[in-house]
Amino acid sequence: IKISYHVALLAALVNIIRQQNHQGEADTYHVSAGHLFLLSCPIAGEIKWSRGDAGDESLPSGVEVRGGSLWFLPVQMTHSGSYICERRNQTKLLKRRFRVLVSGSNCPDPSEEILATKETSESLQCKQNEIFRLNLPRKIRWTKDCQQVQPDGESVSLNTNGLMRLVEVSEADAGKYTCHIDVTVDGRNYTAARSVQMTVKNDLFPEIHHSDF
């Protein structure tokens, strides 16, 4: 019985440590000044948002809470920093920390790296679910290294959900790809953007070199 008690106690302690470590982690978002950005909290229920940097915890000008999410209308260079969403009840405090990094480029720094294989197809997802959930009329466009990509329906295709498919990847396709979504909010035109960095490798099945010992 004592062994079972100690095992249960140890398991509970490990779970508490894991929760504390997870709450200390910060998800990082790369955004561009002048763009629309929505930041959602994964914690269910009534939550509170605050600025996570030392000092004043109040939200900066141009950032407001709508439907439990943070709306940056639009993003400003001064918005770089940490943000915290939390929900407190009688027994515990749930907290998530986010880090927002703002750049002055129209195409933000990559949030993800993709490894594609030469002479195979590759699909790039827009991954801006918060914007899609607004159900607003929108225009989706992609750029490569901040230059417009023109879908031709053959080598490059684009569907209504922003998924761009490269039919046959070449080494020249390597670069930074950005999905731009143009929407109108409160009568004002905005653009939301997210970037991925794609690297192209040569072989699907790399040659195995045998060494003599």
Foldseek 3Di string as FASTA:
>chain_A
DVVVVVVVVVVVVVVVVVQVVQQVDAAEDWFEPQFKDKAADPDDDDKDKFFPDPDGTHQDPQWDDDPRIIIRNDDDQVNFGKMKIWDDDPPDIHMHMYTYHYDHDPATDASEEAEAEAFAKDKDAQPPVVVVVVVFDKDKFKDFVPHGDDAPVPQWDADPRGIIMGGGDDQVRFGKMKIWIWGADPNRIHITMHIYGYGYDYDPDDDDDDDDD
